[in-house]
C-alpha atoms as a PDB file:
ATOM      1  CA  MET A   1     -54.724 259.558  37.503  1.00  0.00           C
ATOM      2  CA  ILE A   2     -53.937 255.782  39.228  1.00  0.00           C
ATOM      3  CA  LYS A   3     -51.652 253.857  37.568  1.00  0.00           C
ATOM      4  CA  GLU A   4     -53.230 250.767  36.363  1.00  0.00           C
ATOM      5  CA  ILE A   5     -51.856 247.491  36.221  1.00  0.00           C
ATOM      6  CA  LYS A   6     -52.730 244.166  34.791  1.00  0.00           C
ATOM      7  CA  SER A   7     -52.365 240.603  36.675  1.00  0.00           C
ATOM      8  CA  SER A   8     -50.544 238.933  33.614  1.00  0.00           C
ATOM      9  CA  GLU A   9     -48.035 242.093  34.296  1.00  0.00           C
ATOM     10  CA  ILE A  10     -47.671 241.928  38.350  1.00  0.00           C
ATOM     11  CA  LYS A  11     -44.444 239.671  38.290  1.00  0.00           C
ATOM     12  CA  LYS A  12     -42.986 241.536  35.984  1.00  0.00           C
ATOM     13  CA  PHE A  13     -43.569 244.487  37.956  1.00  0.00           C
ATOM     14  CA  VAL A  14     -42.569 242.976  41.435  1.00  0.00           C
ATOM     15  CA  GLU A  15     -39.414 242.106  39.584  1.00  0.00           C
ATOM     16  CA  SER A  16     -38.423 245.804  38.815  1.00  0.00           C
ATOM     17  CA  ASN A  17     -40.132 246.831  42.416  1.00  0.00           C
ATOM     18  CA  PRO A  18     -39.602 245.083  45.290  1.00  0.00           C
ATOM     19  CA  ARG A  19     -41.702 247.491  47.637  1.00  0.00           C
ATOM     20  CA  THR A  20     -44.805 246.256  46.234  1.00  0.00           C
ATOM     21  CA  VAL A  21     -47.424 244.727  48.061  1.00  0.00           C
ATOM     22  CA  LEU A  22     -50.961 243.501  47.206  1.00  0.00           C
ATOM     23  CA  LEU A  23     -53.750 244.830  48.809  1.00  0.00           C
ATOM     24  CA  ASP A  24     -57.639 242.689  48.355  1.00  0.00           C
ATOM     25  CA  VAL A  25     -60.003 244.827  48.888  1.00  0.00           C
ATOM     26  CA  ARG A  26     -62.968 242.072  48.020  1.00  0.00           C
ATOM     27  CA  THR A  27     -65.345 240.343  51.093  1.00  0.00           C
ATOM     28  CA  GLU A  28     -64.590 237.733  53.528  1.00  0.00           C
ATOM     29  CA  ASN A  29     -67.493 235.634  51.715  1.00  0.00           C
ATOM     30  CA  GLU A  30     -65.071 236.432  47.972  1.00  0.00           C
ATOM     31  CA  TRP A  31     -61.643 235.335  49.627  1.00  0.00           C
ATOM     32  CA  ASN A  32     -63.510 232.197  51.405  1.00  0.00           C
ATOM     33  CA  THR A  33     -65.696 231.254  48.496  1.00  0.00           C
ATOM     34  CA  VAL A  34     -64.008 231.772  45.383  1.00  0.00           C
ATOM     35  CA  GLY A  35     -60.179 232.485  46.812  1.00  0.00           C
ATOM     36  CA  LYS A  36     -57.203 234.505  47.300  1.00  0.00           C
ATOM     37  CA  PRO A  37     -54.190 235.509  45.895  1.00  0.00           C
ATOM     38  CA  ASP A  38     -51.204 233.448  46.811  1.00  0.00           C
ATOM     39  CA  THR A  39     -48.056 236.122  46.373  1.00  0.00           C
ATOM     40  CA  LYS A  40     -45.200 233.922  48.611  1.00  0.00           C
ATOM     41  CA  ASP A  41     -43.829 232.875  45.248  1.00  0.00           C
ATOM     42  CA  LEU A  42     -43.601 237.058  44.495  1.00  0.00           C
ATOM     43  CA  GLY A  43     -42.209 237.486  46.925  1.00  0.00           C
ATOM     44  CA  ILE A  44     -44.496 240.492  48.917  1.00  0.00           C
ATOM     45  CA  LYS A  45     -46.982 239.986  51.070  1.00  0.00           C
ATOM     46  CA  SER A  46     -50.711 240.538  51.061  1.00  0.00           C
ATOM     47  CA  TYR A  47     -53.675 241.979  52.727  1.00  0.00           C
ATOM     48  CA  PHE A  48     -57.020 241.609  52.858  1.00  0.00           C
ATOM     49  CA  ILE A  49     -58.906 244.487  54.125  1.00  0.00           C
ATOM     50  CA  THR A  50     -62.511 245.076  52.483  1.00  0.00           C
ATOM     51  CA  ILE A  51     -63.414 247.999  51.208  1.00  0.00           C
ATOM     52  CA  SER A  52     -66.086 250.142  52.871  1.00  0.00           C
ATOM     53  CA  GLN A  53     -67.164 253.833  52.885  1.00  0.00           C
ATOM     54  CA  ASP A  54     -66.457 254.722  56.946  1.00  0.00           C
ATOM     55  CA  PRO A  55     -62.523 255.757  58.121  1.00  0.00           C
ATOM     56  CA  SER A  56     -62.145 252.232  58.966  1.00  0.00           C
ATOM     57  CA  PHE A  57     -60.776 251.231  55.763  1.00  0.00           C
ATOM     58  CA  ILE A  58     -58.534 253.816  55.625  1.00  0.00           C
ATOM     59  CA  GLU A  59     -57.231 253.178  59.259  1.00  0.00           C
ATOM     60  CA  SER A  60     -56.710 249.387  58.936  1.00  0.00           C
ATOM     61  CA  VAL A  61     -54.860 249.811  55.700  1.00  0.00           C
ATOM     62  CA  LYS A  62     -52.837 252.583  57.531  1.00  0.00           C
ATOM     63  CA  GLN A  63     -51.709 249.958  60.635  1.00  0.00           C
ATOM     64  CA  ASN A  64     -50.642 247.649  58.316  1.00  0.00           C
ATOM     65  CA  ILE A  65     -49.456 248.965  54.971  1.00  0.00           C
ATOM     66  CA  ASP A  66     -46.489 251.487  54.778  1.00  0.00           C
ATOM     67  CA  LYS A  67     -46.870 254.572  52.207  1.00  0.00           C
ATOM     68  CA  LYS A  68     -43.513 253.890  50.872  1.00  0.00           C
ATOM     69  CA  GLU A  69     -44.795 250.863  49.979  1.00  0.00           C
ATOM     70  CA  GLN A  70     -46.294 250.574  46.243  1.00  0.00           C
ATOM     71  CA  VAL A  71     -49.992 248.859  46.760  1.00  0.00           C
ATOM     72  CA  LEU A  72     -51.054 247.028  43.788  1.00  0.00           C
ATOM     73  CA  ILE A  73     -55.193 246.921  44.418  1.00  0.00           C
ATOM     74  CA  MET A  74     -57.448 244.458  43.297  1.00  0.00           C
ATOM     75  CA  CYS A  75     -61.017 243.025  43.903  1.00  0.00           C
ATOM     76  CA  ALA A  76     -62.576 240.898  41.638  1.00  0.00           C
ATOM     77  CA  ALA A  77     -62.988 242.576  38.335  1.00  0.00           C
ATOM     78  CA  GLY A  78     -61.076 246.013  38.798  1.00  0.00           C
ATOM     79  CA  GLY A  79     -64.247 248.214  40.350  1.00  0.00           C
ATOM     80  CA  ARG A  80     -64.049 248.366  43.702  1.00  0.00           C
ATOM     81  CA  SER A  81     -59.936 248.836  43.446  1.00  0.00           C
ATOM     82  CA  ILE A  82     -60.340 252.116  41.511  1.00  0.00           C
ATOM     83  CA  VAL A  83     -62.333 253.300  44.462  1.00  0.00           C
ATOM     84  CA  ALA A  84     -59.791 251.693  46.967  1.00  0.00           C
ATOM     85  CA  ALA A  85     -57.114 253.392  44.629  1.00  0.00           C
ATOM     86  CA  ASN A  86     -58.124 256.620  45.086  1.00  0.00           C
ATOM     87  CA  LEU A  87     -59.092 256.558  48.189  1.00  0.00           C
ATOM     88  CA  LEU A  88     -55.834 255.572  49.706  1.00  0.00           C
ATOM     89  CA  ALA A  89     -54.284 257.913  46.376  1.00  0.00           C
ATOM     90  CA  ARG A  90     -55.886 261.241  48.710  1.00  0.00           C
ATOM     91  CA  VAL A  91     -54.147 260.164  52.031  1.00  0.00           C
ATOM     92  CA  GLY A  92     -50.694 259.848  50.724  1.00  0.00           C
ATOM     93  CA  TYR A  93     -50.047 255.899  48.411  1.00  0.00           C
ATOM     94  CA  ASN A  94     -48.897 255.269  45.702  1.00  0.00           C
ATOM     95  CA  THR A  95     -51.407 252.775  44.254  1.00  0.00           C
ATOM     96  CA  LEU A  96     -52.023 250.950  41.181  1.00  0.00           C
ATOM     97  CA  ASN A  97     -55.288 249.254  40.503  1.00  0.00           C
ATOM     98  CA  VAL A  98     -54.728 245.774  38.997  1.00  0.00           C
ATOM     99  CA  THR A  99     -57.616 246.146  36.375  1.00  0.00           C
ATOM    100  CA  ASP A 100     -58.861 242.770  35.324  1.00  0.00           C
ATOM    101  CA  GLY A 101     -58.583 241.661  39.344  1.00  0.00           C
ATOM    102  CA  PHE A 102     -59.211 238.166  41.494  1.00  0.00           C
ATOM    103  CA  SER A 103     -61.681 236.961  38.540  1.00  0.00           C
ATOM    104  CA  GLY A 104     -61.625 238.797  34.959  1.00  0.00           C
ATOM    105  CA  ASN A 105     -63.383 241.346  34.164  1.00  0.00           C
ATOM    106  CA  GLY A 106     -65.003 240.208  30.468  1.00  0.00           C
ATOM    107  CA  GLN A 107     -61.671 241.489  28.635  1.00  0.00           C
ATOM    108  CA  ASP A 108     -58.761 240.331  30.309  1.00  0.00           C
ATOM    109  CA  PRO A 109     -58.764 236.967  32.153  1.00  0.00           C
ATOM    110  CA  GLY A 110     -57.842 238.266  35.875  1.00  0.00           C
ATOM    111  CA  TRP A 111     -55.128 236.716  38.843  1.00  0.00           C
ATOM    112  CA  LYS A 112     -57.205 233.209  38.777  1.00  0.00           C
ATOM    113  CA  ASN A 113     -58.146 232.422  35.406  1.00  0.00           C
ATOM    114  CA  LEU A 114     -54.374 232.952  34.274  1.00  0.00           C
ATOM    115  CA  GLY A 115     -53.681 229.746  36.705  1.00  0.00           C
ATOM    116  CA  LEU A 116     -51.479 232.734  38.880  1.00  0.00           C
ATOM    117  CA  PRO A 117     -51.285 230.530  42.548  1.00  0.00           C
ATOM    118  CA  SER A 118     -54.387 231.379  44.334  1.00  0.00           C
ATOM    119  CA  ILE A 119     -55.447 230.200  48.004  1.00  0.00           C
ATOM    120  CA  ILE A 120     -59.429 229.318  49.456  1.00  0.00           C
ATOM    121  CA  ASP A 121     -59.723 229.048  53.076  1.00  0.00           C
ATOM    122  CA  ASN A 122     -62.672 226.626  53.873  1.00  0.00           C
END
């Protein structure tokens, strides 16, 4: 079972778990138009790797993220990130699904709507 976390809980989680990274699995178009989470104030690294069903997704993650890290996985609203969390957990990653994602899920506001730091690369 994949652990879950809301965007509003990330700061507190990172304070207790400094070996944490954020993996955003949305598309490049989403990053460029909606924005990206900016995690430098949290003191953690962010990775931007679009989820796909082919092996290149897992290979890209393996090339960038150490399995010793806690991996917070985010998409727009929590749907793609739970798929990614399950895929990565099967190959040995310690994953947590960010249930409200970057934009919110209708119940919880999400990273951007909470006013957490974000950037847009246009």
